[in-house]
Amino acid sequence: MDLRHTDREYEAELRKLRESILLMGAKVEELVGTALKAFTTRDGPLARRTMGLDRDVDQLELDIDELCLRILARRQPVASDLRFITTTMKLVTDLERIGDLGVNVCERVTELVEEPPLTAVGTIEKMGEVASQMLHDALDAFVDSDAEKAEEVIERDSIVDATYAQLFPELVNVMMDDPQCVHRATRLQSIGKYIERIADHSTNVAEMVVFMVRGQDVRHAWVLSQGES
């Protein structure tokens, strides 16, 4: 058996896997960005068109999972290659879920566009800006194998959480002032929750980048630190 030929095939498979992840990440980032734009501009047709992007994301998840399993079965990778492949299998799950959450945002947008906007929209837009940048930076960290950049993404999750915590009382005050706003306020609350979850999944991606680069599992670090104290 020509080991050089086998090595070239293996490298080609890893390269294809990396390219597929980059494509999936780009599509998810496009979906989220366009969903948030549809929310900000109150563009129902744009929201409906954006939902169609999710089919491509779902197909890429299936293709990437299949390629990962094939590489694991045929090549039996070790060390950094094994971390890369196992990280990828987890990462695509979070990316697919982020895509779903972008679709959820679009669904609520189509329900809200025919009604007057509420003041809480500004708070949600701020959340969206931070969450979408977290997604972008987490994907960049993956591409560059940059654990420090990934850690910065993880730290920013608290900003989204704090802003989301401010949203609920803000919406409660709106509903108390005008009970006719309940329908709109509850949908804005849902959009805020979707964005908060996008930030959470982006944090998951960043945590997996740290593991891929350093072999260090930083998930649930606060639980571990409490156990040591």
Protein backbone atom coordinates (compact mmCIF):
# COMPACT_ATOMS: atom_id res chain seq x y z
CA MET A 1 0.00 0.00 0.00
CA ASP A 2 1.29 3.45 -0.95
CA LEU A 3 1.24 5.35 2.34
CA ARG A 4 1.92 8.65 0.59
CA HIS A 5 -1.23 8.17 -1.48
CA THR A 6 -3.21 7.34 1.65
CA ASP A 7 -1.86 10.41 3.41
CA ARG A 8 -2.87 12.62 0.48
CA GLU A 9 -6.39 11.19 0.56
CA TYR A 10 -6.59 11.78 4.30
CA GLU A 11 -5.43 15.37 3.96
CA ALA A 12 -7.97 15.92 1.18
CA GLU A 13 -10.75 14.61 3.43
CA LEU A 14 -9.72 16.93 6.26
CA ARG A 15 -9.55 19.85 3.84
CA LYS A 16 -13.02 19.06 2.51
CA LEU A 17 -14.33 18.84 6.06
CA ARG A 18 -12.86 22.23 6.95
CA GLU A 19 -14.29 23.81 3.78
CA SER A 20 -17.73 22.38 4.52
CA ILE A 21 -17.70 23.82 8.04
CA LEU A 22 -16.68 27.22 6.70
CA LEU A 23 -19.54 27.10 4.20
CA MET A 24 -22.04 26.11 6.89
CA GLY A 25 -20.76 28.85 9.20
CA ALA A 26 -21.07 31.45 6.44
CA LYS A 27 -24.65 30.42 5.68
CA VAL A 28 -25.64 30.49 9.35
CA GLU A 29 -24.05 33.90 9.79
CA GLU A 30 -25.91 35.15 6.71
CA LEU A 31 -29.19 33.75 8.00
CA VAL A 32 -28.84 35.38 11.42
CA GLY A 33 -27.66 38.70 9.99
CA THR A 34 -30.52 38.86 7.52
CA ALA A 35 -33.06 37.82 10.15
CA LEU A 36 -31.91 40.65 12.41
CA LYS A 37 -32.01 43.07 9.48
CA ALA A 38 -35.59 41.99 8.73
CA PHE A 39 -36.44 42.69 12.38
CA THR A 40 -34.79 46.11 12.40
CA THR A 41 -36.30 47.21 9.08
CA ARG A 42 -39.66 45.49 9.70
CA ASP A 43 -39.33 43.71 6.36
CA GLY A 44 -41.77 40.80 6.21
CA PRO A 45 -40.85 39.60 2.69
CA LEU A 46 -37.15 39.56 3.64
CA ALA A 47 -37.98 37.52 6.73
CA ARG A 48 -39.91 34.97 4.67
CA ARG A 49 -37.09 34.67 2.12
CA THR A 50 -34.54 34.23 4.88
CA MET A 51 -36.34 31.19 6.27
CA GLY A 52 -35.46 29.30 3.08
CA LEU A 53 -31.73 29.46 3.91
CA ASP A 54 -32.29 26.97 6.72
CA ARG A 55 -32.65 24.09 4.23
CA ASP A 56 -29.06 24.57 3.09
CA VAL A 57 -27.87 24.66 6.70
CA ASP A 58 -29.69 21.42 7.53
CA GLN A 59 -28.23 19.64 4.50
CA LEU A 60 -24.72 20.76 5.37
CA GLU A 61 -25.14 19.42 8.90
CA LEU A 62 -26.03 15.99 7.49
CA ASP A 63 -23.16 16.04 5.00
CA ILE A 64 -20.60 17.09 7.60
CA ASP A 65 -21.74 14.46 10.10
CA GLU A 66 -21.45 11.78 7.42
CA LEU A 67 -17.95 12.90 6.45
CA CYS A 68 -16.82 12.97 10.09
CA LEU A 69 -18.05 9.44 10.69
CA ARG A 70 -16.39 8.22 7.51
CA ILE A 71 -13.04 9.74 8.51
CA LEU A 72 -13.29 8.31 12.03
CA ALA A 73 -14.08 4.83 10.70
CA ARG A 74 -11.47 4.73 7.93
CA ARG A 75 -8.58 6.81 9.30
CA GLN A 76 -8.78 6.36 13.07
CA PRO A 77 -7.31 9.85 13.70
CA VAL A 78 -5.44 10.71 16.89
CA ALA A 79 -4.28 13.79 18.81
CA SER A 80 -5.12 17.14 17.19
CA ASP A 81 -6.91 15.58 14.21
CA LEU A 82 -9.18 13.65 16.53
CA ARG A 83 -9.96 16.80 18.51
CA PHE A 84 -10.70 18.66 15.29
CA ILE A 85 -13.15 16.01 14.06
CA THR A 86 -14.94 15.49 17.37
CA THR A 87 -15.15 19.27 17.84
CA THR A 88 -16.66 19.57 14.37
CA MET A 89 -19.37 17.03 15.16
CA LYS A 90 -20.43 19.10 18.16
CA LEU A 91 -19.95 22.44 16.45
CA VAL A 92 -22.32 21.69 13.57
CA THR A 93 -25.09 20.90 16.03
CA ASP A 94 -24.78 24.36 17.55
CA LEU A 95 -24.59 25.98 14.12
CA GLU A 96 -27.74 24.16 12.99
CA ARG A 97 -29.54 25.30 16.13
CA ILE A 98 -28.44 28.91 15.56
CA GLY A 99 -29.95 28.64 12.08
CA ASP A 100 -33.22 27.42 13.57
CA LEU A 101 -33.25 30.34 16.00
CA GLY A 102 -32.74 32.74 13.08
CA VAL A 103 -35.80 31.20 11.45
CA ASN A 104 -37.72 31.67 14.72
CA VAL A 105 -36.83 35.37 14.67
CA CYS A 106 -38.14 35.62 11.10
CA GLU A 107 -41.42 33.94 12.07
CA ARG A 108 -42.02 36.51 14.81
CA VAL A 109 -41.05 39.35 12.46
CA THR A 110 -43.77 38.32 10.00
CA GLU A 111 -46.27 38.53 12.86
CA LEU A 112 -45.12 41.96 14.00
CA VAL A 113 -44.66 43.94 10.79
CA GLU A 114 -48.33 44.87 10.45
CA GLU A 115 -48.44 46.42 13.92
CA PRO A 116 -46.85 49.61 15.36
CA PRO A 117 -43.37 49.10 16.89
CA LEU A 118 -42.71 49.23 20.62
CA THR A 119 -39.91 51.08 22.40
CA ALA A 120 -38.27 47.81 23.53
CA VAL A 121 -37.16 47.22 19.94
CA GLY A 122 -33.99 49.21 20.66
CA THR A 123 -32.98 46.87 23.48
CA ILE A 124 -33.42 43.85 21.24
CA GLU A 125 -31.39 45.47 18.47
CA LYS A 126 -28.52 45.97 20.93
CA MET A 127 -28.70 42.29 21.91
CA GLY A 128 -28.71 41.30 18.26
CA GLU A 129 -25.59 43.35 17.50
CA VAL A 130 -23.61 41.70 20.28
CA ALA A 131 -24.88 38.17 19.57
CA SER A 132 -24.22 38.36 15.83
CA GLN A 133 -20.70 39.67 16.47
CA MET A 134 -20.13 36.82 18.92
CA LEU A 135 -21.12 34.34 16.21
CA HIS A 136 -18.82 36.01 13.70
CA ASP A 137 -15.87 36.05 16.10
CA ALA A 138 -16.45 32.46 17.24
CA LEU A 139 -16.30 31.30 13.63
CA ASP A 140 -13.18 33.40 13.01
CA ALA A 141 -11.59 31.85 16.10
CA PHE A 142 -12.34 28.41 14.68
CA VAL A 143 -10.87 29.26 11.28
CA ASP A 144 -7.71 30.73 12.84
CA SER A 145 -7.46 28.19 15.69
CA ASP A 146 -7.37 31.22 17.98
CA ALA A 147 -8.15 30.19 21.56
CA GLU A 148 -7.67 33.71 22.94
CA LYS A 149 -10.26 35.14 20.57
CA ALA A 150 -12.61 32.31 21.52
CA GLU A 151 -12.20 33.21 25.20
CA GLU A 152 -13.17 36.80 24.41
CA VAL A 153 -16.39 35.50 22.85
CA ILE A 154 -17.14 33.47 25.96
CA GLU A 155 -16.73 36.55 28.16
CA ARG A 156 -19.18 38.58 26.04
CA ASP A 157 -22.05 36.19 26.71
CA SER A 158 -22.66 37.95 30.02
CA ILE A 159 -23.39 41.20 28.14
CA VAL A 160 -26.23 39.56 26.21
CA ASP A 161 -27.55 37.90 29.38
CA ALA A 162 -27.58 41.22 31.24
CA THR A 163 -29.37 43.00 28.39
CA TYR A 164 -31.93 40.21 28.17
CA ALA A 165 -32.56 40.51 31.91
CA GLN A 166 -33.42 44.18 31.36
CA LEU A 167 -35.84 43.37 28.55
CA PHE A 168 -38.52 41.57 30.57
CA PRO A 169 -39.29 44.37 33.07
CA GLU A 170 -39.19 46.83 30.18
CA LEU A 171 -41.86 44.84 28.35
CA VAL A 172 -43.91 44.38 31.52
CA ASN A 173 -44.06 48.16 31.94
CA VAL A 174 -45.17 48.52 28.31
CA MET A 175 -47.99 46.00 28.82
CA MET A 176 -49.11 47.63 32.07
CA ASP A 177 -49.30 51.02 30.36
CA ASP A 178 -51.25 49.63 27.41
CA PRO A 179 -52.81 46.14 27.65
CA GLN A 180 -53.40 46.21 23.90
CA CYS A 181 -49.63 45.80 23.49
CA VAL A 182 -49.56 42.34 25.06
CA HIS A 183 -49.56 40.52 21.71
CA ARG A 184 -46.59 42.54 20.42
CA ALA A 185 -44.72 42.49 23.72
CA THR A 186 -44.84 38.71 24.08
CA ARG A 187 -43.47 38.30 20.58
CA LEU A 188 -40.67 40.74 21.30
CA GLN A 189 -39.92 38.74 24.44
CA SER A 190 -39.64 35.63 22.26
CA ILE A 191 -37.25 37.35 19.86
CA GLY A 192 -35.12 38.47 22.79
CA LYS A 193 -34.97 34.88 24.01
CA TYR A 194 -33.99 33.60 20.56
CA ILE A 195 -31.13 36.11 20.40
CA GLU A 196 -30.01 35.17 23.92
CA ARG A 197 -29.90 31.53 22.80
CA ILE A 198 -27.92 32.46 19.67
CA ALA A 199 -25.33 34.00 21.99
CA ASP A 200 -25.33 30.83 24.11
CA HIS A 201 -24.71 28.61 21.10
CA SER A 202 -21.98 30.97 19.86
CA THR A 203 -20.40 30.60 23.29
CA ASN A 204 -20.57 26.82 22.89
CA VAL A 205 -18.72 27.13 19.57
CA ALA A 206 -16.06 29.28 21.24
CA GLU A 207 -15.66 26.77 24.08
CA MET A 208 -15.14 24.00 21.55
CA VAL A 209 -12.47 26.07 19.81
CA VAL A 210 -10.56 26.31 23.09
CA PHE A 211 -10.80 22.53 23.44
CA MET A 212 -9.71 21.96 19.85
CA VAL A 213 -6.65 24.20 20.19
CA ARG A 214 -5.54 23.46 23.75
CA GLY A 215 -7.21 20.18 24.61
CA GLN A 216 -8.77 22.04 27.54
CA ASP A 217 -12.47 21.62 28.34
CA VAL A 218 -13.73 25.00 29.59
CA ARG A 219 -17.44 24.16 29.60
CA HIS A 220 -19.21 24.79 32.92
CA ALA A 221 -16.01 26.33 34.28
CA TRP A 222 -17.95 28.18 36.99
CA VAL A 223 -19.30 24.86 38.35
CA LEU A 224 -15.82 23.40 38.51
CA SER A 225 -14.42 26.49 40.23
CA GLN A 226 -17.15 26.29 42.89
CA GLY A 227 -16.29 22.66 43.51
CA GLU A 228 -12.65 23.55 44.13
CA SER A 229 -13.45 26.33 46.60
